[in-house]
Protein backbone atom coordinates (compact mmCIF):
# COMPACT_ATOMS: atom_id res chain seq x y z
CA MET A 1 6.77 -26.26 7.28
CA GLN A 2 8.98 -24.25 9.70
CA TRP A 3 9.18 -20.48 9.52
CA ASN A 4 12.69 -19.43 10.42
CA CYS A 5 11.83 -15.92 11.20
CA ARG A 6 11.81 -15.75 14.93
CA GLY A 7 12.90 -12.08 15.02
CA ARG A 8 10.00 -10.98 12.94
CA ARG A 9 7.53 -12.98 14.89
CA ASP A 10 8.78 -11.72 18.22
CA ARG A 11 8.72 -8.15 17.18
CA LEU A 12 5.12 -8.49 15.96
CA VAL A 13 4.15 -9.63 19.45
CA ALA A 14 5.82 -6.47 20.85
CA MET A 15 4.18 -4.35 18.17
CA ASN A 16 0.70 -5.64 19.13
CA ASP A 17 1.42 -4.89 22.87
CA MET A 18 2.58 -1.28 22.06
CA SER A 19 -0.33 -0.59 19.74
CA SER A 20 -2.78 -0.66 22.71
CA LEU A 21 -0.79 2.12 24.54
CA PRO A 22 -2.27 5.54 24.80
CA ARG A 23 -1.25 8.00 22.04
CA ASP A 24 0.98 9.96 24.44
CA ALA A 25 2.55 6.84 26.09
CA TRP A 26 5.97 7.72 24.86
CA SER A 27 5.90 11.21 26.05
CA GLY A 28 6.92 10.28 29.54
CA ALA A 29 9.18 7.40 28.59
CA ASP A 30 12.77 7.22 29.80
CA PRO A 31 15.01 9.28 27.50
CA ALA A 32 17.54 6.47 27.59
CA LEU A 33 14.95 4.11 26.23
CA LYS A 34 14.11 6.51 23.45
CA ALA A 35 17.74 6.75 22.56
CA ALA A 36 18.11 3.04 22.56
CA VAL A 37 15.26 2.66 20.13
CA LEU A 38 16.71 5.17 17.82
CA ALA A 39 20.08 3.55 17.89
CA GLU A 40 18.61 0.21 17.09
CA SER A 41 16.95 1.65 13.96
CA LEU A 42 20.31 2.79 12.52
CA PRO A 43 21.03 -0.33 10.39
CA TYR A 44 17.57 -0.18 8.89
CA LEU A 45 17.95 3.50 8.14
CA ARG A 46 21.26 2.80 6.29
CA ARG A 47 19.54 -0.13 4.43
CA HIS A 48 16.84 2.09 2.97
CA ALA A 49 18.59 5.42 2.65
CA GLY A 50 18.21 6.84 -0.87
CA ARG A 51 15.87 4.00 -1.77
CA THR A 52 12.21 4.20 -2.88
CA ILE A 53 9.48 2.76 -0.66
CA LEU A 54 6.09 2.23 -2.33
CA VAL A 55 3.22 2.32 0.27
CA LYS A 56 -0.25 1.24 -0.78
CA TYR A 57 -2.73 2.82 1.61
CA GLY A 58 -5.87 0.75 1.47
CA GLY A 59 -9.46 2.06 1.53
CA HIS A 60 -10.40 -0.24 4.42
CA ALA A 61 -7.12 0.72 6.27
CA MET A 62 -8.19 4.34 5.83
CA ALA A 63 -11.78 3.80 6.94
CA ASP A 64 -11.74 1.06 9.47
CA GLY A 65 -9.79 2.31 12.45
CA GLY A 66 -6.90 3.64 10.60
CA ASP A 67 -5.03 6.70 11.97
CA GLY A 68 -4.50 9.10 9.11
CA ASP A 69 -2.48 11.56 11.04
CA THR A 70 -0.10 8.88 12.20
CA PHE A 71 0.22 7.59 8.62
CA ALA A 72 0.91 11.11 7.31
CA HIS A 73 3.70 11.65 9.99
CA ASP A 74 5.31 8.40 9.19
CA ILE A 75 5.42 9.13 5.51
CA VAL A 76 6.95 12.54 6.16
CA LEU A 77 9.52 10.95 8.58
CA LEU A 78 10.53 8.59 5.74
CA LYS A 79 11.26 11.61 3.51
CA GLN A 80 13.18 13.39 6.21
CA VAL A 81 15.57 10.53 6.76
CA GLY A 82 16.47 10.29 3.06
CA ILE A 83 13.96 7.67 1.90
CA ASN A 84 11.72 8.35 -1.13
CA PRO A 85 8.23 7.31 -0.35
CA ILE A 86 5.46 6.94 -2.96
CA VAL A 87 1.86 6.53 -1.82
CA VAL A 88 -0.74 4.73 -3.93
CA HIS A 89 -4.25 4.80 -2.34
CA GLY A 90 -7.50 2.96 -2.73
CA GLY A 91 -10.93 4.14 -1.85
CA GLY A 92 -13.47 1.42 -2.43
CA PRO A 93 -15.51 2.03 0.74
CA GLN A 94 -15.60 5.72 0.05
CA ILE A 95 -16.68 5.10 -3.54
CA GLY A 96 -19.52 2.76 -2.29
CA GLN A 97 -20.74 5.40 0.05
CA MET A 98 -20.80 8.18 -2.64
CA LEU A 99 -22.66 5.86 -5.12
CA GLN A 100 -25.13 4.93 -2.50
CA ARG A 101 -25.74 8.64 -1.75
CA LEU A 102 -26.30 9.28 -5.32
CA GLY A 103 -28.58 6.33 -5.80
CA ILE A 104 -26.33 4.52 -8.12
CA LYS A 105 -26.44 0.77 -7.75
CA SER A 106 -23.19 -1.19 -7.74
CA ASN A 107 -22.75 -4.60 -9.44
CA PHE A 108 -19.60 -6.80 -8.92
CA ILE A 109 -17.99 -9.54 -11.00
CA ASP A 110 -15.12 -11.52 -9.27
CA GLY A 111 -14.95 -8.77 -6.69
CA LEU A 112 -14.54 -5.93 -9.22
CA ARG A 113 -17.05 -3.09 -9.45
CA VAL A 114 -18.75 -2.96 -12.84
CA THR A 115 -18.03 0.60 -13.92
CA ASP A 116 -20.23 2.27 -16.57
CA ALA A 117 -19.78 5.87 -17.60
CA ALA A 118 -21.86 7.28 -14.75
CA THR A 119 -20.06 5.21 -12.14
CA MET A 120 -16.63 6.15 -13.70
CA GLU A 121 -17.38 9.81 -13.10
CA VAL A 122 -18.08 9.15 -9.48
CA VAL A 123 -15.00 6.86 -9.06
CA GLU A 124 -12.74 9.52 -10.49
CA MET A 125 -14.31 12.23 -8.46
CA VAL A 126 -13.85 10.25 -5.13
CA LEU A 127 -10.39 8.81 -5.93
CA SER A 128 -8.70 11.75 -7.66
CA GLY A 129 -10.59 14.31 -5.74
CA THR A 130 -11.84 13.61 -2.19
CA VAL A 131 -9.57 10.77 -1.11
CA ASN A 132 -6.40 11.83 -2.84
CA LYS A 133 -6.73 15.39 -1.50
CA GLN A 134 -7.45 14.29 2.03
CA ILE A 135 -4.23 12.27 2.05
CA VAL A 136 -2.17 15.11 0.51
CA ALA A 137 -3.60 17.60 2.99
CA ALA A 138 -2.72 15.24 5.93
CA ILE A 139 0.87 14.78 4.69
CA ASN A 140 1.37 18.53 4.17
CA ALA A 141 -0.17 19.26 7.63
CA ALA A 142 2.42 16.89 9.04
CA GLY A 143 5.25 18.94 7.50
CA GLY A 144 5.67 17.21 4.27
CA CYS A 145 5.26 18.50 0.66
CA ALA A 146 2.83 16.06 -1.04
CA VAL A 147 1.30 16.40 -4.50
CA GLY A 148 -1.62 14.41 -5.63
CA ILE A 149 -1.83 12.93 -9.07
CA SER A 150 -3.66 10.21 -10.93
CA GLY A 151 -2.46 7.94 -13.55
CA LYS A 152 -3.80 10.28 -16.14
CA ASP A 153 -1.24 12.98 -15.17
CA GLY A 154 1.80 12.98 -17.39
CA GLY A 155 0.68 9.68 -18.83
CA LEU A 156 1.86 7.94 -15.71
CA ILE A 157 -0.43 4.98 -16.11
CA ARG A 158 -1.28 3.64 -19.59
CA ALA A 159 -4.13 1.33 -19.10
CA ARG A 160 -6.10 -1.27 -21.10
CA LYS A 161 -9.54 -2.63 -20.62
CA LEU A 162 -9.70 -5.60 -18.23
CA ALA A 163 -11.14 -8.73 -19.83
CA ARG A 164 -13.00 -10.92 -17.35
CA ASN A 165 -16.21 -13.07 -17.38
CA GLY A 166 -18.70 -10.38 -18.42
CA ASP A 167 -18.16 -6.73 -19.34
CA LEU A 168 -16.85 -4.73 -16.57
CA GLY A 169 -17.15 -1.44 -18.36
CA PHE A 170 -14.40 1.04 -17.62
CA VAL A 171 -12.30 -1.27 -15.41
CA GLY A 172 -8.73 -1.46 -16.50
CA GLU A 173 -5.36 -2.86 -15.77
CA PRO A 174 -1.96 -1.26 -16.12
CA GLU A 175 -0.40 -1.68 -19.51
CA ARG A 176 2.67 0.55 -18.95
CA ILE A 177 4.01 2.83 -16.24
CA ASP A 178 5.87 5.84 -17.28
CA ASP A 179 8.41 6.59 -14.49
CA ARG A 180 9.43 9.98 -15.85
CA VAL A 181 7.01 11.98 -13.73
CA LEU A 182 7.95 10.07 -10.57
CA ALA A 183 11.71 10.39 -11.31
CA SER A 184 11.38 14.18 -11.26
CA PHE A 185 9.91 13.92 -7.73
CA ARG A 186 12.62 11.82 -6.45
CA GLN A 187 15.05 14.69 -7.08
CA SER A 188 12.92 17.00 -4.89
CA ASP A 189 11.18 17.13 -1.56
CA ILE A 190 7.88 16.23 -3.16
CA ILE A 191 6.02 13.12 -2.06
CA PRO A 192 3.69 11.81 -4.82
CA VAL A 193 0.31 10.53 -3.88
CA ILE A 194 -1.24 8.43 -6.67
CA ALA A 195 -4.90 7.78 -7.37
CA PRO A 196 -5.45 4.42 -9.24
CA ILE A 197 -7.02 5.95 -12.39
CA GLY A 198 -5.43 5.23 -15.84
CA VAL A 199 -5.88 6.30 -19.31
CA GLY A 200 -6.19 4.10 -22.38
CA ALA A 201 -4.59 4.62 -25.79
CA ASP A 202 -7.98 5.94 -27.00
CA GLY A 203 -8.16 8.44 -24.20
CA ALA A 204 -10.75 6.56 -22.22
CA THR A 205 -10.45 6.76 -18.41
CA TYR A 206 -10.18 3.52 -16.48
CA ASN A 207 -10.85 2.52 -12.85
CA ILE A 208 -7.92 0.21 -11.74
CA ASN A 209 -7.51 -1.94 -8.67
CA ALA A 210 -5.39 0.04 -6.31
CA ASP A 211 -3.30 -3.03 -5.22
CA THR A 212 -2.52 -3.78 -8.94
CA VAL A 213 -1.46 -0.14 -9.57
CA ALA A 214 0.70 -0.13 -6.49
CA GLY A 215 2.49 -3.32 -7.47
CA ALA A 216 3.06 -2.14 -11.02
CA VAL A 217 4.39 1.23 -9.93
CA ALA A 218 6.68 -0.43 -7.29
CA ALA A 219 8.15 -2.67 -10.03
CA ALA A 220 8.58 0.26 -12.42
CA VAL A 221 10.58 2.29 -9.86
CA ALA A 222 12.48 -0.76 -8.58
CA ALA A 223 11.27 -0.07 -4.99
CA SER A 224 13.28 -1.58 -2.20
CA ARG A 225 10.04 -2.32 -0.41
CA PHE A 226 6.38 -2.54 -1.37
CA LEU A 227 4.23 -2.15 1.68
CA LEU A 228 0.59 -3.20 1.10
CA LEU A 229 -1.29 -1.61 4.07
CA THR A 230 -4.66 -3.31 4.49
CA ASP A 231 -7.11 -4.41 7.17
CA VAL A 232 -5.50 -7.78 7.96
CA PRO A 233 -2.32 -8.63 10.01
CA GLY A 234 -0.78 -10.55 7.04
CA VAL A 235 -0.78 -14.06 5.71
CA LEU A 236 -1.98 -16.70 8.22
CA ASP A 237 -0.97 -20.38 8.21
CA ALA A 238 -3.51 -23.23 8.62
CA LYS A 239 -3.59 -22.66 12.33
CA LYS A 240 -4.45 -18.96 11.74
CA VAL A 241 -1.05 -17.83 13.03
CA LEU A 242 0.77 -14.99 11.28
CA ILE A 243 3.53 -16.08 8.89
CA PRO A 244 6.36 -13.51 9.23
CA GLU A 245 8.17 -14.24 5.99
CA LEU A 246 7.68 -16.27 2.73
CA SER A 247 9.71 -16.96 -0.36
CA ALA A 248 7.79 -16.63 -3.52
CA ALA A 249 7.83 -20.32 -4.02
CA GLU A 250 6.41 -20.98 -0.50
CA ALA A 251 3.65 -18.33 -1.17
CA ARG A 252 2.61 -20.06 -4.41
CA ARG A 253 2.62 -23.37 -2.65
CA LEU A 254 0.20 -22.03 0.10
CA ILE A 255 -2.07 -20.72 -2.62
CA ALA A 256 -2.06 -24.05 -4.31
CA ASP A 257 -2.85 -26.01 -1.22
CA GLY A 258 -5.68 -23.57 -0.06
CA THR A 259 -3.90 -22.16 3.02
CA ILE A 260 -3.95 -18.81 1.27
CA SER A 261 -7.53 -18.35 0.14
CA GLY A 262 -10.33 -15.83 -0.59
CA GLY A 263 -9.42 -12.15 -0.58
CA MET A 264 -5.85 -12.91 0.43
CA ILE A 265 -4.99 -14.55 -2.97
CA PRO A 266 -5.07 -11.44 -5.00
CA LYS A 267 -3.05 -9.51 -2.35
CA VAL A 268 -0.43 -12.19 -2.38
CA GLU A 269 -0.41 -12.43 -6.20
CA THR A 270 0.07 -8.65 -6.42
CA CYS A 271 3.06 -8.97 -4.11
CA LEU A 272 4.45 -11.87 -6.17
CA ASP A 273 3.97 -9.77 -9.34
CA ALA A 274 5.97 -6.92 -7.71
CA VAL A 275 8.79 -9.13 -6.61
CA ASP A 276 9.00 -10.78 -10.02
CA GLY A 277 9.19 -7.32 -11.51
CA GLY A 278 12.31 -6.38 -9.49
CA VAL A 279 10.99 -5.16 -6.08
CA GLU A 280 13.37 -6.42 -3.35
CA ALA A 281 10.53 -7.46 -1.05
CA ALA A 282 6.82 -6.91 -0.59
CA VAL A 283 5.02 -6.86 2.74
CA ILE A 284 1.37 -7.29 3.62
CA VAL A 285 0.87 -5.33 6.88
CA ASP A 286 -2.10 -4.26 8.98
CA GLY A 287 -2.46 -0.58 8.27
CA ARG A 288 -4.84 -0.16 11.37
CA VAL A 289 -1.82 -0.62 13.65
CA ARG A 290 -0.21 2.78 14.61
CA HIS A 291 3.15 3.25 13.05
CA ALA A 292 2.97 -0.03 11.09
CA ILE A 293 5.27 1.53 8.39
CA LEU A 294 7.98 2.44 10.80
CA LEU A 295 7.62 -0.99 12.59
CA GLU A 296 8.10 -2.72 9.33
CA LEU A 297 10.97 -0.64 8.01
CA PHE A 298 12.91 0.18 11.08
CA THR A 299 12.55 -2.92 13.23
CA THR A 300 12.69 -6.64 12.47
CA GLY A 301 9.28 -6.52 10.88
CA ALA A 302 5.56 -6.25 11.18
CA GLY A 303 3.41 -8.21 8.67
CA THR A 304 4.21 -10.92 6.23
CA LEU A 305 7.28 -10.25 3.99
CA ILE A 306 7.56 -11.90 0.60
CA ARG A 307 10.82 -12.23 -1.17
CA GLY A 308 11.75 -13.80 -4.51
CA GLY A 309 13.08 -17.40 -4.69
């Protein structure tokens, strides 16, 4: 199969070269070069102006070499240029660390943490409390106006118990996303930061996979882009080379033939669900690369972009 995306592939090579530069490398750059870079971004700024961008900030991307300050500045920049960013975050590693500190053993079924009542209290404390507020504080420190919420606030995420092999306890999946809360944010300077906690019809609190929440929210708000920031470069082909762009049909074919395997399958399936739900395109991108969001949105691309068709 030939990937007809030379522009995205070439830009990724440039991105990897730039990511190794010192933090202040651009401070002494030629002003003309800086101006040229800004001019080149104009068509992309026009494309996304007034649109909603859903960014899923992964727990591993946050913990494993991610640059939270750069992430926060990039999110603020999106808002300043007329784009409406929404952040959904994970926190699996942070939950695991807290459970270990408290002496609570974790069990997993199909990669999902079995969540009893005691574990659910810790999950909500870490996600809605510690992690959520750290991201909010970073965005506010960068000059933005972020507000942290969970799916329980305003009934944003109605959840139902997730049925799998074995009882997962208080693990859920989105049943409905109520966009009214987020719609009010779009008319303001507020950047919503969402913790993946939902509430059931009976009032029970559910722990929901953050990727799943992000994809569902992206579809509900008809985002122009769903950026899945994680700890991998994107989808790799059989030779372990990054695939810059895939149609939905191509992605499903690569899952079927085993090229896409392991933990990449649920990420790609989340992207496919978002695209099927009305998102223009979903992108799996390495959140550990500095300015990955800007590189994806304002250049010819960074990770693996998945479109419908």
